[in-house]
Amino acid sequence: MARRTARLFLSLALLAATTLGGLSGCSSVFFYPDHVTYVTPDRLGLAYDDIYLDTGDGERLHGWWLPAAETGNVRGTVYYLHGNAQNISSHILNIAWLPEAGYNVFTLDYRGFGQSTGDPDLEGALHDVETGLRWLADTPKRGDQPVYLLGQSLGGGLGVALASEWTRRGETPALTGVILDGTFSGFRAIAREKLAAFWLTWAFQIPLSWTVPGDYEGTDRIAGISPVPVLVIHSVRDGIIPFHHGRALFEAAREPKAFLQTDTPHAATFVIPEYREDVLRFMATAAKGSGG
């Protein structure tokens, strides 16, 4: 998976180089969807419902609702935003452990991914993740329980923008906690870094990075999530999104906040049971702090 993601970021640099003369915006190159169904939750012994949502601009999104294993002992609901490649069926193992731990999970595919219609781009994906959170706010499935946002890699970048706006506007239900795993410090920041790493685009790193919208940089937005607690997770061995991105996000966040330094490949945090326990402790503490 890490090698695949590295190739995807290399193709970002190649695309930028070949389109330098007429490029007006390259946010779509953050997205590498496919329509293959790799595994469904039932293959992992999980109950689930297919969820279909209509966006305000005419797209139809597909998602999965995974109920907690014991309906009489639900601790909350996790809204999971996945990374930039493939679709929810290839990311399901990152959240398959949560129902057994007492949490409902809702996850969706951004436009152009999996069964969701449309073509992916940054503005569209931001619209999609808010559509999903509004559905979660209204559905009786979640009950009156804490709601957490978990974003990995690209999903964390989208999640920072969504959570900061949701909190600023005083939307309900308020988020109980936000968890960011292997997330870059900003869309423009990571584009510039990847362009600088490739000899063909090194000289153009600044002008090309400015074609990425600059309104959603994580380090500019993350402080706005407060007073909702934030947990930033980043691996010292992340070869895709270097460790300094996680530190930059953590430093830009306001209290209450926590940092979990890990030692796994990119987006492999939840392979390690100890890291799962760290996240569960964070969620339990956040729920107590919110009165949940």
Protein backbone atom coordinates (compact mmCIF):
# COMPACT_ATOMS: atom_id res chain seq x y z
CA MET A 1 0.00 0.00 0.00
CA ALA A 2 2.83 2.40 0.85
CA ARG A 3 4.52 1.72 -2.50
CA ARG A 4 1.24 2.35 -4.30
CA THR A 5 0.75 5.68 -2.52
CA ALA A 6 4.34 6.70 -3.29
CA ARG A 7 3.68 6.05 -6.99
CA LEU A 8 0.53 8.15 -6.75
CA PHE A 9 2.40 11.13 -5.37
CA LEU A 10 5.08 10.70 -8.04
CA SER A 11 2.37 10.84 -10.67
CA LEU A 12 1.24 14.13 -9.09
CA ALA A 13 4.66 15.55 -9.86
CA LEU A 14 4.63 14.14 -13.39
CA LEU A 15 1.19 15.52 -14.09
CA ALA A 16 2.22 18.91 -12.79
CA ALA A 17 5.28 18.94 -15.01
CA THR A 18 3.42 17.97 -18.18
CA THR A 19 0.61 20.48 -17.63
CA LEU A 20 2.68 23.46 -16.48
CA GLY A 21 1.76 25.56 -19.48
CA GLY A 22 -2.00 25.48 -18.99
CA LEU A 23 -2.65 24.45 -15.43
CA SER A 24 -5.37 26.39 -13.64
CA GLY A 25 -5.84 24.09 -10.64
CA CYS A 26 -4.64 20.61 -9.73
CA SER A 27 -6.59 19.63 -6.63
CA SER A 28 -7.99 16.58 -8.43
CA VAL A 29 -4.57 14.93 -8.45
CA PHE A 30 -4.90 14.27 -4.71
CA PHE A 31 -7.50 11.62 -5.53
CA TYR A 32 -6.87 8.13 -6.96
CA PRO A 33 -10.19 6.29 -6.80
CA ASP A 34 -11.23 3.00 -8.25
CA HIS A 35 -14.49 1.06 -8.39
CA VAL A 36 -13.28 -2.36 -7.30
CA THR A 37 -14.98 -3.99 -4.30
CA TYR A 38 -12.07 -5.47 -2.35
CA VAL A 39 -13.95 -6.73 0.71
CA THR A 40 -17.36 -6.09 2.23
CA PRO A 41 -17.92 -5.88 5.99
CA ASP A 42 -19.79 -9.18 6.16
CA ARG A 43 -16.63 -10.97 4.99
CA LEU A 44 -15.05 -9.71 8.22
CA GLY A 45 -17.97 -10.86 10.34
CA LEU A 46 -19.46 -7.36 10.62
CA ALA A 47 -23.09 -6.38 10.28
CA TYR A 48 -23.64 -3.40 7.98
CA ASP A 49 -26.12 -1.32 6.01
CA ASP A 50 -25.53 0.30 2.64
CA ILE A 51 -26.22 4.05 2.86
CA TYR A 52 -26.89 6.27 -0.16
CA LEU A 53 -26.86 10.06 0.14
CA ASP A 54 -27.73 12.73 -2.41
CA THR A 55 -25.55 15.84 -2.44
CA GLY A 56 -26.80 19.35 -3.07
CA ASP A 57 -25.03 19.44 -6.42
CA GLY A 58 -26.55 16.26 -7.81
CA GLU A 59 -24.13 13.46 -6.89
CA ARG A 60 -25.05 10.23 -5.11
CA LEU A 61 -22.69 8.99 -2.43
CA HIS A 62 -22.35 5.47 -1.11
CA GLY A 63 -21.36 4.60 2.42
CA TRP A 64 -21.51 1.89 5.06
CA TRP A 65 -23.07 1.94 8.49
CA LEU A 66 -21.44 -0.56 10.85
CA PRO A 67 -23.38 -0.92 14.13
CA ALA A 68 -21.62 -1.63 17.39
CA ALA A 69 -21.42 -5.35 18.12
CA GLU A 70 -23.52 -5.06 21.29
CA THR A 71 -26.43 -2.69 20.76
CA GLY A 72 -27.00 -2.40 24.50
CA ASN A 73 -23.47 -1.15 25.14
CA VAL A 74 -22.83 1.56 22.53
CA ARG A 75 -20.13 4.06 23.49
CA GLY A 76 -20.47 6.37 20.49
CA THR A 77 -20.21 6.69 16.72
CA VAL A 78 -17.04 7.18 14.67
CA TYR A 79 -17.27 9.04 11.36
CA TYR A 80 -14.36 7.68 9.32
CA LEU A 81 -12.80 9.53 6.37
CA HIS A 82 -10.43 7.38 4.33
CA GLY A 83 -7.27 8.09 2.35
CA ASN A 84 -6.74 9.13 -1.25
CA ALA A 85 -6.66 5.79 -3.07
CA GLN A 86 -9.14 3.05 -4.04
CA ASN A 87 -12.37 3.24 -1.94
CA ILE A 88 -13.95 2.30 1.38
CA SER A 89 -13.71 -1.42 0.67
CA SER A 90 -9.90 -1.24 0.68
CA HIS A 91 -9.77 0.81 3.90
CA ILE A 92 -12.27 -1.20 5.94
CA LEU A 93 -9.62 -2.96 8.05
CA ASN A 94 -8.70 0.39 9.60
CA ILE A 95 -12.08 0.53 11.33
CA ALA A 96 -13.21 -3.12 11.49
CA TRP A 97 -12.08 -3.33 15.13
CA LEU A 98 -14.30 -0.49 16.36
CA PRO A 99 -17.73 -2.25 16.47
CA GLU A 100 -16.34 -4.90 18.83
CA ALA A 101 -15.02 -2.07 21.02
CA GLY A 102 -18.55 -0.65 21.33
CA TYR A 103 -18.60 1.97 18.56
CA ASN A 104 -20.84 2.42 15.57
CA VAL A 105 -18.95 3.43 12.44
CA PHE A 106 -20.13 5.45 9.47
CA THR A 107 -17.88 5.79 6.44
CA LEU A 108 -18.53 6.97 2.89
CA ASP A 109 -16.82 7.23 -0.45
CA TYR A 110 -16.15 10.69 -1.82
CA ARG A 111 -17.51 11.45 -5.28
CA GLY A 112 -15.83 9.32 -7.93
CA PHE A 113 -14.78 6.63 -5.45
CA GLY A 114 -16.35 3.17 -5.28
CA GLN A 115 -20.09 3.35 -5.91
CA SER A 116 -20.27 7.15 -5.51
CA THR A 117 -20.99 9.12 -8.67
CA GLY A 118 -19.09 12.06 -10.10
CA ASP A 119 -15.47 13.09 -10.51
CA PRO A 120 -13.26 13.80 -7.50
CA ASP A 121 -11.84 17.18 -6.62
CA LEU A 122 -11.09 19.02 -3.39
CA GLU A 123 -14.15 21.26 -3.25
CA GLY A 124 -16.42 18.35 -4.11
CA ALA A 125 -14.88 16.08 -1.47
CA LEU A 126 -15.28 18.77 1.18
CA HIS A 127 -18.94 19.04 0.21
CA ASP A 128 -19.27 15.25 0.41
CA VAL A 129 -17.81 14.89 3.89
CA GLU A 130 -20.15 17.57 5.21
CA THR A 131 -23.08 15.80 3.53
CA GLY A 132 -22.07 12.66 5.41
CA LEU A 133 -21.78 14.40 8.76
CA ARG A 134 -25.19 16.04 8.30
CA TRP A 135 -26.71 12.62 7.61
CA LEU A 136 -25.04 11.29 10.74
CA ALA A 137 -26.37 14.23 12.75
CA ASP A 138 -29.94 13.46 11.68
CA THR A 139 -30.04 9.66 11.64
CA PRO A 140 -31.72 7.90 14.56
CA LYS A 141 -29.17 5.08 14.07
CA ARG A 142 -26.55 6.82 16.19
CA GLY A 143 -28.79 7.50 19.19
CA ASP A 144 -27.81 10.11 21.74
CA GLN A 145 -24.16 9.13 21.95
CA PRO A 146 -20.81 10.89 21.40
CA VAL A 147 -19.69 11.48 17.81
CA TYR A 148 -16.03 11.28 16.82
CA LEU A 149 -14.31 12.10 13.54
CA LEU A 150 -11.43 9.84 12.46
CA GLY A 151 -9.52 10.91 9.36
CA GLN A 152 -6.54 9.11 7.85
CA SER A 153 -4.10 10.75 5.46
CA LEU A 154 -6.22 12.68 2.92
CA GLY A 155 -9.27 12.00 5.10
CA GLY A 156 -7.56 13.84 7.93
CA GLY A 157 -6.98 16.86 5.71
CA LEU A 158 -10.66 16.90 4.79
CA GLY A 159 -11.57 16.24 8.42
CA VAL A 160 -9.66 19.24 9.77
CA ALA A 161 -11.52 21.58 7.42
CA LEU A 162 -14.88 19.96 8.23
CA ALA A 163 -14.41 19.82 12.00
CA SER A 164 -13.21 23.41 12.26
CA GLU A 165 -16.22 24.69 10.29
CA TRP A 166 -18.65 22.45 12.18
CA THR A 167 -17.31 23.76 15.48
CA ARG A 168 -17.18 27.41 14.37
CA ARG A 169 -20.82 27.32 13.29
CA GLY A 170 -21.96 25.61 16.50
CA GLU A 171 -23.53 22.72 14.59
CA THR A 172 -25.19 19.90 16.49
CA PRO A 173 -24.35 17.39 17.61
CA ALA A 174 -21.03 18.86 18.63
CA LEU A 175 -18.10 16.59 17.88
CA THR A 176 -16.77 14.86 20.99
CA GLY A 177 -13.28 14.27 19.59
CA VAL A 178 -11.22 14.45 16.40
CA ILE A 179 -8.52 11.89 15.53
CA LEU A 180 -6.05 12.58 12.72
CA ASP A 181 -3.81 9.74 11.58
CA GLY A 182 -0.92 10.25 9.16
CA THR A 183 -2.33 13.57 7.99
CA PHE A 184 -0.42 16.23 6.05
CA SER A 185 -0.16 19.76 7.41
CA GLY A 186 -1.85 21.24 4.35
CA PHE A 187 -2.90 20.44 0.79
CA ARG A 188 -0.66 23.11 -0.66
CA ALA A 189 2.16 22.22 1.74
CA ILE A 190 2.28 18.56 0.76
CA ALA A 191 1.99 19.41 -2.95
CA ARG A 192 5.00 21.72 -2.69
CA GLU A 193 6.99 19.13 -0.75
CA LYS A 194 6.31 16.35 -3.26
CA LEU A 195 7.08 18.61 -6.20
CA ALA A 196 10.37 19.63 -4.56
CA ALA A 197 11.36 15.99 -4.14
CA PHE A 198 11.24 15.27 -7.89
CA TRP A 199 13.97 16.72 -10.09
CA LEU A 200 11.65 17.39 -13.03
CA THR A 201 9.39 19.69 -10.99
CA TRP A 202 11.82 21.03 -8.38
CA ALA A 203 12.19 24.39 -10.10
CA PHE A 204 8.41 24.80 -10.35
CA GLN A 205 7.46 23.74 -6.82
CA ILE A 206 6.25 27.17 -5.73
CA PRO A 207 4.22 28.25 -8.80
CA LEU A 208 2.68 24.79 -9.20
CA SER A 209 1.78 24.46 -5.53
CA TRP A 210 -0.09 27.75 -5.76
CA THR A 211 -2.52 26.11 -8.18
CA VAL A 212 -3.80 24.06 -5.21
CA PRO A 213 -6.50 25.94 -3.25
CA GLY A 214 -4.95 27.48 -0.14
CA ASP A 215 -8.13 27.90 1.91
CA TYR A 216 -7.95 24.52 3.64
CA GLU A 217 -4.42 24.24 5.04
CA GLY A 218 -4.54 22.11 8.17
CA THR A 219 -2.16 24.29 10.16
CA ASP A 220 -4.42 27.28 9.49
CA ARG A 221 -7.64 25.44 10.35
CA ILE A 222 -6.87 23.05 13.18
CA ALA A 223 -6.95 25.65 15.96
CA GLY A 224 -10.60 26.23 15.08
CA ILE A 225 -11.52 22.73 16.25
CA SER A 226 -10.95 23.73 19.89
CA PRO A 227 -12.56 23.23 22.41
CA VAL A 228 -13.14 19.80 20.84
CA PRO A 229 -10.21 17.52 21.85
CA VAL A 230 -7.82 16.57 19.05
CA LEU A 231 -5.54 13.53 18.88
CA VAL A 232 -2.79 13.73 16.24
CA ILE A 233 -1.21 10.38 15.34
CA HIS A 234 1.92 10.16 13.23
CA SER A 235 4.57 7.55 12.62
CA VAL A 236 8.28 8.21 12.63
CA ARG A 237 8.45 5.65 9.80
CA ASP A 238 5.80 7.23 7.60
CA GLY A 239 7.41 7.28 4.17
CA ILE A 240 4.46 8.99 2.48
CA ILE A 241 3.57 11.87 4.80
CA PRO A 242 6.74 12.66 6.77
CA PHE A 243 6.63 12.91 10.56
CA HIS A 244 7.10 16.69 10.62
CA HIS A 245 3.60 17.14 9.18
CA GLY A 246 2.04 15.57 12.26
CA ARG A 247 4.18 17.68 14.58
CA ALA A 248 3.21 20.84 12.69
CA LEU A 249 -0.49 20.01 13.03
CA PHE A 250 -0.12 19.28 16.74
CA GLU A 251 1.76 22.51 17.38
CA ALA A 252 -0.87 24.53 15.51
CA ALA A 253 -3.76 22.93 17.42
CA ARG A 254 -5.13 24.45 20.61
CA GLU A 255 -5.80 22.61 23.82
CA PRO A 256 -7.19 20.13 24.56
CA LYS A 257 -4.86 18.12 22.35
CA ALA A 258 -2.68 15.01 22.44
CA PHE A 259 0.03 13.51 20.25
CA LEU A 260 0.58 9.81 19.65
CA GLN A 261 3.96 8.98 18.09
CA THR A 262 3.82 5.61 16.35
CA ASP A 263 6.21 3.32 14.52
CA THR A 264 4.41 1.75 11.57
CA PRO A 265 4.21 2.33 7.81
CA HIS A 266 1.78 4.94 6.53
CA ALA A 267 -1.86 4.27 7.50
CA ALA A 268 -0.97 1.05 9.33
CA THR A 269 -1.59 2.40 12.85
CA PHE A 270 -4.45 0.10 13.75
CA VAL A 271 -2.56 -3.08 12.99
CA ILE A 272 -1.00 -2.60 16.44
CA PRO A 273 -3.37 -3.39 19.37
CA GLU A 274 -1.58 -0.95 21.70
CA TYR A 275 -2.30 1.95 19.35
CA ARG A 276 -5.96 0.95 19.20
CA GLU A 277 -6.05 1.08 23.01
CA ASP A 278 -4.50 4.55 22.96
CA VAL A 279 -7.27 5.77 20.68
CA LEU A 280 -9.98 4.14 22.80
CA ARG A 281 -8.57 5.85 25.90
CA PHE A 282 -8.58 9.20 24.10
CA MET A 283 -12.22 8.76 23.08
CA ALA A 284 -13.27 7.72 26.58
CA THR A 285 -11.50 10.71 28.12
CA ALA A 286 -13.02 13.08 25.55
CA ALA A 287 -16.50 11.71 26.31
CA LYS A 288 -16.03 12.29 30.03
CA GLY A 289 -14.84 15.82 29.39
CA SER A 290 -17.91 16.58 27.30
CA GLY A 291 -20.26 15.07 29.86
CA GLY A 292 -21.08 12.17 27.54
